[in-house]
Protein backbone atom coordinates (compact mmCIF):
# COMPACT_ATOMS: atom_id res chain seq x y z
CA MET A 1 -47.14 -38.59 -42.25
CA ARG A 2 -45.25 -41.60 -40.93
CA ARG A 3 -41.94 -39.85 -41.62
CA ILE A 4 -42.99 -37.08 -39.23
CA PHE A 5 -44.70 -39.26 -36.63
CA ARG A 6 -41.90 -41.80 -36.16
CA PRO A 7 -39.08 -39.30 -35.26
CA LEU A 8 -41.49 -37.42 -33.00
CA PHE A 9 -42.47 -40.65 -31.25
CA LEU A 10 -38.82 -41.59 -30.75
CA VAL A 11 -38.04 -38.16 -29.27
CA VAL A 12 -40.95 -38.38 -26.84
CA LEU A 13 -40.03 -41.95 -25.94
CA GLY A 14 -36.41 -40.93 -25.36
CA LEU A 15 -37.47 -38.08 -23.10
CA LEU A 16 -39.80 -40.38 -21.17
CA VAL A 17 -37.11 -43.02 -20.67
CA GLY A 18 -34.63 -40.35 -19.60
CA LEU A 19 -37.11 -38.92 -17.10
CA ILE A 20 -37.88 -42.33 -15.64
CA GLY A 21 -34.17 -43.10 -15.40
CA TYR A 22 -33.46 -39.81 -13.65
CA GLU A 23 -36.27 -40.34 -11.14
CA CYS A 24 -34.98 -43.86 -10.41
CA ILE A 25 -31.53 -42.44 -9.67
CA MET A 26 -33.02 -39.82 -7.36
CA PHE A 27 -35.10 -42.46 -5.60
CA VAL A 28 -31.97 -44.50 -4.93
CA ARG A 29 -30.27 -41.40 -3.51
CA VAL A 30 -33.23 -40.77 -1.22
CA LEU A 31 -33.31 -44.44 -0.21
CA MET A 32 -29.66 -44.23 0.85
CA LEU A 33 -30.63 -41.53 3.37
CA ARG A 34 -32.28 -44.18 5.52
CA ASN A 35 -28.93 -45.24 6.93
CA GLY A 36 -26.43 -42.74 5.54
CA ASN A 37 -25.93 -39.00 5.96
CA PRO A 38 -25.42 -36.76 2.92
CA SER A 39 -21.82 -35.60 2.53
CA SER A 40 -23.01 -32.30 1.09
CA THR A 41 -26.13 -30.61 -0.25
CA SER A 42 -27.07 -28.59 -3.30
CA LEU A 43 -27.22 -25.46 -1.13
CA ILE A 44 -23.77 -26.03 0.40
CA ASP A 45 -22.28 -26.69 -3.04
CA THR A 46 -23.89 -23.49 -4.34
CA ARG A 47 -22.47 -21.42 -1.47
CA ILE A 48 -19.00 -22.87 -2.12
CA LYS A 49 -19.23 -21.94 -5.81
CA GLU A 50 -20.43 -18.42 -4.91
CA ALA A 51 -17.48 -17.90 -2.58
CA LYS A 52 -14.96 -19.15 -5.14
CA ALA A 53 -16.48 -16.92 -7.81
CA LYS A 54 -15.81 -13.95 -5.53
CA GLY A 55 -12.25 -15.09 -4.91
CA GLN A 56 -13.05 -15.97 -1.29
CA GLN A 57 -12.21 -19.06 0.73
CA PRO A 58 -15.41 -21.12 1.18
CA LYS A 59 -16.65 -21.47 4.76
CA ARG A 60 -18.26 -24.60 6.13
CA GLU A 61 -18.96 -25.20 9.81
CA GLN A 62 -20.98 -28.37 10.25
CA THR A 63 -21.02 -31.15 12.84
CA TRP A 64 -23.54 -33.94 12.33
CA VAL A 65 -25.43 -35.02 15.45
CA PRO A 66 -28.30 -37.51 15.87
CA LEU A 67 -31.75 -36.15 16.67
CA ASP A 68 -31.42 -37.31 20.29
CA LYS A 69 -28.49 -34.87 20.63
CA ILE A 70 -30.59 -31.91 19.50
CA SER A 71 -32.60 -30.19 22.21
CA PRO A 72 -36.37 -30.89 22.10
CA ASN A 73 -36.69 -27.12 22.50
CA LEU A 74 -35.05 -26.59 19.12
CA GLN A 75 -37.10 -29.34 17.52
CA ARG A 76 -40.31 -27.72 18.77
CA ALA A 77 -39.14 -24.23 17.82
CA VAL A 78 -38.33 -25.27 14.26
CA LEU A 79 -41.65 -27.05 13.82
CA ALA A 80 -43.50 -24.07 15.35
CA GLY A 81 -41.78 -21.68 12.98
CA GLU A 82 -41.66 -23.75 9.82
CA ASP A 83 -44.19 -26.59 9.78
CA THR A 84 -46.74 -26.90 12.60
CA ASN A 85 -48.50 -29.88 11.02
CA PHE A 86 -45.32 -31.79 10.23
CA LEU A 87 -46.51 -34.95 11.99
CA THR A 88 -49.85 -35.17 10.21
CA HIS A 89 -49.26 -34.06 6.62
CA HIS A 90 -47.72 -36.17 3.86
CA GLY A 91 -45.37 -33.52 2.52
CA PHE A 92 -47.78 -30.71 1.58
CA ASP A 93 -49.92 -28.55 3.88
CA TYR A 94 -51.07 -25.42 2.08
CA GLU A 95 -54.19 -24.68 4.14
CA ALA A 96 -52.31 -24.66 7.44
CA ILE A 97 -49.57 -22.50 5.94
CA GLN A 98 -52.07 -19.88 4.82
CA LYS A 99 -53.65 -19.78 8.28
CA ALA A 100 -50.24 -19.49 9.95
CA PHE A 101 -49.25 -16.62 7.69
CA GLU A 102 -52.46 -14.71 8.35
CA GLN A 103 -52.11 -15.20 12.11
CA ALA A 104 -48.46 -14.14 12.06
CA GLN A 105 -49.37 -11.05 10.06
CA ARG A 106 -52.02 -10.01 12.60
CA GLU A 107 -49.72 -10.61 15.58
CA ALA A 108 -46.78 -8.83 14.00
CA ALA A 109 -48.93 -5.83 13.09
CA ARG A 110 -50.22 -5.58 16.68
CA GLU A 111 -46.69 -5.80 18.09
CA ALA A 112 -45.33 -3.23 15.65
CA LYS A 113 -48.12 -0.84 16.56
CA ALA A 114 -47.56 -1.39 20.29
CA GLU A 115 -43.86 -0.64 19.85
CA GLY A 116 -44.62 2.54 17.92
CA GLU A 117 -43.16 1.25 14.66
CA ASP A 118 -44.52 1.80 11.17
CA ASP A 119 -45.69 -1.13 9.10
CA ASP A 120 -43.34 -0.75 6.15
CA TRP A 121 -41.69 -4.10 6.92
CA LEU A 122 -44.93 -6.08 6.77
CA PRO A 123 -44.78 -6.89 3.02
CA SER A 124 -41.81 -9.14 3.77
CA LEU A 125 -43.89 -11.32 6.05
CA PRO A 126 -44.52 -14.05 3.45
CA GLU A 127 -41.02 -15.17 4.36
CA PHE A 128 -42.45 -16.22 7.71
CA LYS A 129 -43.39 -19.43 5.93
CA ARG A 130 -40.95 -19.04 3.07
CA GLY A 131 -43.59 -19.18 0.38
CA GLY A 132 -45.49 -22.10 1.86
CA SER A 133 -42.99 -24.95 1.91
CA THR A 134 -43.20 -27.72 4.47
CA ILE A 135 -40.04 -29.08 6.08
CA SER A 136 -40.11 -32.04 3.68
CA GLN A 137 -40.28 -29.68 0.69
CA GLN A 138 -37.52 -27.51 2.10
CA LEU A 139 -35.33 -30.56 2.62
CA ALA A 140 -35.90 -31.80 -0.95
CA LYS A 141 -34.88 -28.41 -2.32
CA ASN A 142 -31.93 -28.04 0.07
CA LEU A 143 -30.50 -31.47 -0.69
CA TYR A 144 -30.91 -31.74 -4.43
CA LEU A 145 -32.21 -28.64 -6.21
CA SER A 146 -31.12 -25.15 -7.19
CA SER A 147 -32.79 -21.96 -6.01
CA GLN A 148 -33.99 -21.26 -9.54
CA ARG A 149 -37.73 -20.69 -9.72
CA SER A 150 -39.49 -22.62 -12.48
CA PHE A 151 -42.38 -25.02 -12.97
CA LEU A 152 -39.90 -27.77 -13.76
CA ARG A 153 -38.03 -27.26 -10.49
CA LYS A 154 -41.25 -27.09 -8.48
CA GLY A 155 -42.39 -30.31 -10.12
CA GLN A 156 -39.13 -32.03 -9.25
CA GLU A 157 -39.40 -30.66 -5.70
CA ALA A 158 -42.85 -32.22 -5.40
CA ALA A 159 -41.59 -35.58 -6.68
CA LEU A 160 -38.66 -35.58 -4.25
CA THR A 161 -40.93 -34.55 -1.38
CA ILE A 162 -43.13 -37.57 -2.03
CA MET A 163 -40.05 -39.82 -2.16
CA LEU A 164 -38.78 -38.45 1.17
CA GLU A 165 -42.15 -38.88 2.86
CA ARG A 166 -42.67 -42.42 1.55
CA THR A 167 -39.10 -43.60 2.22
CA LEU A 168 -38.04 -41.96 5.49
CA THR A 169 -39.65 -41.64 8.90
CA LYS A 170 -40.65 -38.22 10.22
CA ARG A 171 -37.84 -38.41 12.78
CA ARG A 172 -35.28 -39.08 10.07
CA ILE A 173 -36.57 -36.24 7.89
CA LEU A 174 -36.36 -33.85 10.84
CA GLU A 175 -32.90 -35.13 11.80
CA ILE A 176 -31.48 -34.56 8.32
CA TYR A 177 -33.18 -31.18 8.04
CA LEU A 178 -31.74 -29.94 11.34
CA ASN A 179 -28.25 -31.06 10.33
CA VAL A 180 -28.08 -29.46 6.88
CA ILE A 181 -30.01 -26.18 6.93
CA GLU A 182 -28.17 -22.88 6.74
CA TRP A 183 -27.84 -20.75 9.87
CA GLY A 184 -25.56 -18.00 8.62
CA ASP A 185 -22.55 -17.56 6.36
CA GLY A 186 -20.92 -20.99 6.21
CA ILE A 187 -22.88 -22.30 9.22
CA TYR A 188 -24.85 -25.50 8.60
CA GLY A 189 -26.82 -27.59 11.03
CA ALA A 190 -28.02 -27.23 14.60
CA GLU A 191 -24.75 -28.13 16.32
CA ALA A 192 -22.66 -25.57 14.42
CA ALA A 193 -25.34 -22.90 14.91
CA SER A 194 -25.62 -23.58 18.63
CA GLN A 195 -21.87 -23.41 19.07
CA ARG A 196 -21.57 -20.23 16.99
CA TYR A 197 -24.38 -18.22 18.61
CA PHE A 198 -24.49 -19.63 22.16
CA HIS A 199 -21.18 -21.50 22.65
CA LYS A 200 -22.93 -24.66 23.78
CA PRO A 201 -24.01 -27.98 22.22
CA ALA A 202 -27.37 -28.19 20.49
CA ALA A 203 -28.55 -30.59 23.19
CA ALA A 204 -28.35 -27.82 25.80
CA LEU A 205 -30.38 -25.09 24.08
CA SER A 206 -33.07 -23.37 26.15
CA ALA A 207 -36.51 -22.56 24.76
CA ASN A 208 -35.59 -18.91 24.24
CA GLU A 209 -32.32 -19.80 22.48
CA ALA A 210 -34.09 -22.37 20.32
CA ALA A 211 -36.74 -19.85 19.26
CA PHE A 212 -33.98 -17.40 18.36
CA LEU A 213 -32.33 -19.93 16.04
CA SER A 214 -35.67 -20.92 14.53
CA ALA A 215 -36.48 -17.27 13.85
CA MET A 216 -33.41 -17.04 11.61
CA ILE A 217 -34.22 -19.99 9.34
CA PRO A 218 -36.18 -18.28 6.51
CA ASN A 219 -33.21 -16.11 5.54
CA PRO A 220 -30.31 -16.16 8.04
CA ARG A 221 -27.90 -14.20 5.84
CA THR A 222 -30.02 -11.10 5.21
CA VAL A 223 -33.67 -10.63 6.26
CA PHE A 224 -33.43 -12.64 9.48
CA ASN A 225 -29.77 -12.06 10.20
CA PRO A 226 -29.67 -10.97 13.88
CA GLN A 227 -26.77 -8.61 13.17
CA VAL A 228 -28.67 -6.91 10.34
CA ASN A 229 -32.27 -6.98 11.62
CA PRO A 230 -32.19 -7.82 15.35
CA ARG A 231 -35.69 -6.43 16.05
CA ARG A 232 -37.22 -8.43 13.24
CA VAL A 233 -35.57 -11.62 14.53
CA ALA A 234 -36.73 -10.84 18.08
CA ARG A 235 -40.30 -10.29 16.88
CA ARG A 236 -40.39 -13.62 15.07
CA GLN A 237 -38.72 -15.27 18.07
CA ARG A 238 -41.62 -14.16 20.30
CA ILE A 239 -44.20 -15.55 17.86
CA ILE A 240 -42.39 -18.91 17.78
CA LEU A 241 -42.10 -19.05 21.58
CA ARG A 242 -45.87 -18.72 21.88
CA GLY A 243 -46.42 -21.66 19.56
CA MET A 244 -43.83 -24.05 20.96
CA PRO A 245 -45.92 -25.48 23.87
CA TYR A 246 -48.48 -26.83 21.38
CA ILE A 247 -46.00 -28.72 19.21
CA LYS A 248 -45.71 -32.51 19.43
CA LEU A 249 -42.48 -34.18 18.40
CA PRO A 250 -42.04 -37.27 16.20
């Protein structure tokens, strides 16, 4: 019995030590975000690998700007579209997300009916909240994790979300998020997106322009690509515009 128990104990102990060591390394990486900006993200690295695998030259347009240089309109639009309770939750907000989805579904159905459209696009509406992730969760995934769906990855996402929320201020989380998220093929961050779509700095975005950019966030390369689905982007833009006046900023 001891011959079986001892190797098993050592394996479990080794796994536990390895897990603790890995989490300590990740905590240090998160801690460094207090005063330093990430040079890249897991998402950006993945896009570069995808491009190279296709024999294409990787694209990367990104200009880091402080939160004060990003229009309050865009900050409100992103929070209205992605995480209305950003200021009050501690990384997870499932009840509010469910309510937001149900409300968006009702509004979108009314608008589609008023415009004489069928409802065959409605099943894609869960992407309005991208499966229920808060901005903190999205940032954890964007910075460090793959897009692979598994219980292990979701568990690591939860751990990183807690680290981000406990280590960084809400303003810093929002600042990093707005500088690294994808806004199209090779376009990362608010400044690059603003320059690409409106030929102006992110600080100068109007409410309507900000809502347009926010509407793209769930999937800017396909589902909410304004060149592919302009009416769908416009519909989500209108929903976001209605919510923006009620959003408080960190």
